[in-house]
Amino acid sequence: MIASSHKVRIFAASDPVDFRKGHEGLAALVQSHLRQKPFDGSVYVFRSKRAERLKMIYWDGSVLVMTYKRLEANSFT
């Protein structure tokens, strides 16, 4: 569970990432491309190439947590 407060910063990568990356790979992207510290309590959001999946990582104070979400297409036909 993400404990949110008004002080949580959320960063979203604009370019798609390789979704084979795990915790360490995404943390390395946070440092190298976003120029942020992955262990600062912020939430970092990454998208897949087709933008149908999201991964988020955040530091909860003891471990780096990664969540994964598969987005469903809405059918309005």
N, C-alpha and C. Protein backbone atom coordinates (compact mmCIF):
# COMPACT_ATOMS: atom_id res chain seq x y z
N MET A 1 0.84 -1.18 0.00
CA MET A 1 0.00 0.00 0.00
C MET A 1 0.88 1.24 0.00
N ILE A 2 0.56 2.19 -0.82
CA ILE A 2 1.30 3.45 -0.86
C ILE A 2 0.65 4.39 0.13
N ALA A 3 1.41 4.80 1.13
CA ALA A 3 0.91 5.77 2.10
C ALA A 3 1.15 7.16 1.51
N SER A 4 0.09 7.79 1.10
CA SER A 4 0.25 9.08 0.43
C SER A 4 0.09 10.24 1.41
N SER A 5 0.74 11.30 1.09
CA SER A 5 0.58 12.55 1.81
C SER A 5 0.68 13.68 0.80
N HIS A 6 0.45 14.87 1.24
CA HIS A 6 0.52 15.99 0.31
C HIS A 6 1.95 16.31 -0.09
N LYS A 7 2.92 15.67 0.50
CA LYS A 7 4.32 15.95 0.19
C LYS A 7 4.95 14.91 -0.75
N VAL A 8 4.20 13.95 -1.24
CA VAL A 8 4.75 12.93 -2.13
C VAL A 8 4.92 13.52 -3.53
N ARG A 9 6.11 13.37 -4.08
CA ARG A 9 6.37 13.83 -5.44
C ARG A 9 6.25 12.64 -6.38
N ILE A 10 5.65 12.88 -7.55
CA ILE A 10 5.47 11.84 -8.55
C ILE A 10 6.17 12.27 -9.82
N PHE A 11 7.05 11.40 -10.33
CA PHE A 11 7.77 11.65 -11.57
C PHE A 11 7.34 10.62 -12.59
N ALA A 12 7.04 11.04 -13.81
CA ALA A 12 6.66 10.13 -14.89
C ALA A 12 7.67 10.25 -16.01
N ALA A 13 8.23 9.12 -16.42
CA ALA A 13 9.16 9.10 -17.55
C ALA A 13 8.35 9.26 -18.83
N SER A 14 8.76 10.15 -19.70
CA SER A 14 7.99 10.40 -20.92
C SER A 14 8.30 9.38 -22.01
N ASP A 15 9.48 8.80 -22.00
CA ASP A 15 9.85 7.80 -22.99
C ASP A 15 9.52 6.40 -22.46
N PRO A 16 9.12 5.49 -23.35
CA PRO A 16 8.85 4.12 -22.89
C PRO A 16 10.12 3.43 -22.44
N VAL A 17 9.97 2.46 -21.55
CA VAL A 17 11.12 1.71 -21.04
C VAL A 17 10.95 0.23 -21.36
N ASP A 18 12.05 -0.49 -21.31
CA ASP A 18 12.07 -1.93 -21.49
C ASP A 18 11.43 -2.57 -20.26
N PHE A 19 10.30 -3.22 -20.43
CA PHE A 19 9.56 -3.76 -19.29
C PHE A 19 10.14 -5.05 -18.73
N ARG A 20 11.27 -5.49 -19.26
CA ARG A 20 11.98 -6.61 -18.65
C ARG A 20 12.79 -6.14 -17.45
N LYS A 21 12.95 -4.82 -17.30
CA LYS A 21 13.71 -4.27 -16.18
C LYS A 21 12.95 -4.49 -14.87
N GLY A 22 13.71 -4.79 -13.85
CA GLY A 22 13.14 -4.96 -12.52
C GLY A 22 13.46 -3.76 -11.64
N HIS A 23 13.46 -3.98 -10.33
CA HIS A 23 13.71 -2.91 -9.36
C HIS A 23 15.02 -2.18 -9.64
N GLU A 24 16.10 -2.94 -9.76
CA GLU A 24 17.41 -2.33 -9.91
C GLU A 24 17.56 -1.59 -11.23
N GLY A 25 17.02 -2.17 -12.30
CA GLY A 25 17.10 -1.52 -13.61
C GLY A 25 16.32 -0.22 -13.66
N LEU A 26 15.13 -0.21 -13.07
CA LEU A 26 14.34 1.02 -13.04
C LEU A 26 14.97 2.07 -12.12
N ALA A 27 15.54 1.63 -11.01
CA ALA A 27 16.24 2.57 -10.11
C ALA A 27 17.43 3.20 -10.84
N ALA A 28 18.13 2.41 -11.65
CA ALA A 28 19.25 2.96 -12.44
C ALA A 28 18.75 3.99 -13.45
N LEU A 29 17.58 3.76 -14.04
CA LEU A 29 17.01 4.75 -14.97
C LEU A 29 16.63 6.04 -14.24
N VAL A 30 16.13 5.91 -13.04
CA VAL A 30 15.79 7.10 -12.24
C VAL A 30 17.05 7.96 -12.05
N GLN A 31 18.15 7.31 -11.74
CA GLN A 31 19.40 8.04 -11.51
C GLN A 31 19.98 8.60 -12.81
N SER A 32 20.03 7.80 -13.86
CA SER A 32 20.72 8.21 -15.07
C SER A 32 19.90 9.13 -15.97
N HIS A 33 18.61 8.86 -16.13
CA HIS A 33 17.80 9.64 -17.06
C HIS A 33 16.97 10.74 -16.40
N LEU A 34 16.41 10.44 -15.25
CA LEU A 34 15.59 11.45 -14.56
C LEU A 34 16.43 12.34 -13.64
N ARG A 35 17.67 11.92 -13.37
CA ARG A 35 18.59 12.66 -12.50
C ARG A 35 17.99 12.88 -11.11
N GLN A 36 17.35 11.83 -10.59
CA GLN A 36 16.75 11.86 -9.26
C GLN A 36 17.33 10.73 -8.43
N LYS A 37 17.01 10.72 -7.15
CA LYS A 37 17.45 9.66 -6.24
C LYS A 37 16.29 8.70 -6.01
N PRO A 38 16.44 7.42 -6.40
CA PRO A 38 15.31 6.50 -6.28
C PRO A 38 14.91 6.17 -4.85
N PHE A 39 15.72 6.54 -3.87
CA PHE A 39 15.42 6.21 -2.47
C PHE A 39 15.00 7.44 -1.68
N ASP A 40 14.40 8.43 -2.35
CA ASP A 40 14.01 9.66 -1.67
C ASP A 40 12.53 9.70 -1.27
N GLY A 41 11.79 8.62 -1.53
CA GLY A 41 10.38 8.58 -1.16
C GLY A 41 9.44 9.03 -2.26
N SER A 42 9.97 9.48 -3.38
CA SER A 42 9.13 9.87 -4.52
C SER A 42 8.64 8.63 -5.25
N VAL A 43 7.57 8.80 -6.02
CA VAL A 43 7.03 7.72 -6.84
C VAL A 43 7.48 7.97 -8.28
N TYR A 44 8.02 6.93 -8.93
CA TYR A 44 8.50 7.02 -10.30
C TYR A 44 7.67 6.10 -11.17
N VAL A 45 7.09 6.68 -12.24
CA VAL A 45 6.16 5.94 -13.10
C VAL A 45 6.80 5.76 -14.47
N PHE A 46 6.72 4.52 -14.99
CA PHE A 46 7.27 4.18 -16.30
C PHE A 46 6.18 3.51 -17.12
N ARG A 47 6.23 3.72 -18.45
CA ARG A 47 5.24 3.10 -19.32
C ARG A 47 5.92 2.20 -20.34
N SER A 48 5.15 1.25 -20.86
CA SER A 48 5.66 0.35 -21.89
C SER A 48 5.59 1.04 -23.25
N LYS A 49 6.14 0.40 -24.26
CA LYS A 49 6.20 0.98 -25.60
C LYS A 49 4.81 1.30 -26.14
N ARG A 50 3.86 0.38 -25.95
CA ARG A 50 2.50 0.60 -26.46
C ARG A 50 1.60 1.30 -25.45
N ALA A 51 2.14 1.69 -24.32
CA ALA A 51 1.43 2.42 -23.27
C ALA A 51 0.23 1.66 -22.70
N GLU A 52 0.28 0.32 -22.75
CA GLU A 52 -0.80 -0.46 -22.17
C GLU A 52 -0.43 -1.00 -20.79
N ARG A 53 0.81 -0.75 -20.35
CA ARG A 53 1.26 -1.20 -19.05
C ARG A 53 2.04 -0.09 -18.36
N LEU A 54 1.95 -0.06 -17.03
CA LEU A 54 2.70 0.89 -16.22
C LEU A 54 3.44 0.14 -15.12
N LYS A 55 4.62 0.65 -14.76
CA LYS A 55 5.33 0.18 -13.58
C LYS A 55 5.66 1.40 -12.75
N MET A 56 5.51 1.25 -11.44
CA MET A 56 5.87 2.32 -10.51
C MET A 56 6.83 1.76 -9.49
N ILE A 57 7.83 2.56 -9.12
CA ILE A 57 8.71 2.17 -8.02
C ILE A 57 8.72 3.29 -7.01
N TYR A 58 8.88 2.93 -5.76
CA TYR A 58 9.03 3.90 -4.69
C TYR A 58 9.71 3.25 -3.51
N TRP A 59 10.38 4.05 -2.71
CA TRP A 59 11.06 3.60 -1.50
C TRP A 59 10.12 3.81 -0.34
N ASP A 60 9.80 2.75 0.40
CA ASP A 60 8.85 2.88 1.51
C ASP A 60 9.54 3.07 2.85
N GLY A 61 10.85 3.25 2.83
CA GLY A 61 11.61 3.45 4.05
C GLY A 61 12.46 2.25 4.41
N SER A 62 12.09 1.08 3.86
CA SER A 62 12.89 -0.11 4.14
C SER A 62 13.22 -0.91 2.88
N VAL A 63 12.33 -0.90 1.89
CA VAL A 63 12.57 -1.63 0.65
C VAL A 63 12.09 -0.81 -0.55
N LEU A 64 12.63 -1.13 -1.72
CA LEU A 64 12.17 -0.52 -2.96
C LEU A 64 10.99 -1.34 -3.46
N VAL A 65 9.83 -0.72 -3.57
CA VAL A 65 8.60 -1.40 -3.95
C VAL A 65 8.30 -1.11 -5.42
N MET A 66 7.93 -2.17 -6.16
CA MET A 66 7.55 -2.01 -7.56
C MET A 66 6.12 -2.50 -7.73
N THR A 67 5.30 -1.69 -8.38
CA THR A 67 3.93 -2.11 -8.71
C THR A 67 3.80 -2.14 -10.22
N TYR A 68 2.89 -2.97 -10.69
CA TYR A 68 2.69 -3.18 -12.12
C TYR A 68 1.21 -3.08 -12.41
N LYS A 69 0.86 -2.38 -13.48
CA LYS A 69 -0.56 -2.24 -13.84
C LYS A 69 -0.72 -2.45 -15.34
N ARG A 70 -1.61 -3.35 -15.71
CA ARG A 70 -1.97 -3.54 -17.10
C ARG A 70 -3.25 -2.77 -17.36
N LEU A 71 -3.21 -1.84 -18.29
CA LEU A 71 -4.36 -0.99 -18.57
C LEU A 71 -5.28 -1.69 -19.58
N GLU A 72 -6.55 -1.65 -19.30
CA GLU A 72 -7.53 -2.26 -20.19
C GLU A 72 -8.03 -1.22 -21.19
N ALA A 73 -8.23 -1.68 -22.40
CA ALA A 73 -8.77 -0.77 -23.43
C ALA A 73 -10.27 -0.64 -23.22
N ASN A 74 -10.76 0.58 -23.30
CA ASN A 74 -12.20 0.82 -23.20
C ASN A 74 -12.84 0.60 -24.57
N SER A 75 -13.93 -0.09 -24.60
CA SER A 75 -14.62 -0.29 -25.88
C SER A 75 -15.91 0.53 -25.86
N PHE A 76 -15.95 1.53 -26.70
CA PHE A 76 -17.10 2.43 -26.78
C PHE A 76 -17.83 2.23 -28.10
N THR A 77 -17.84 1.02 -28.61
CA THR A 77 -18.49 0.78 -29.90
C THR A 77 -19.89 0.23 -29.70
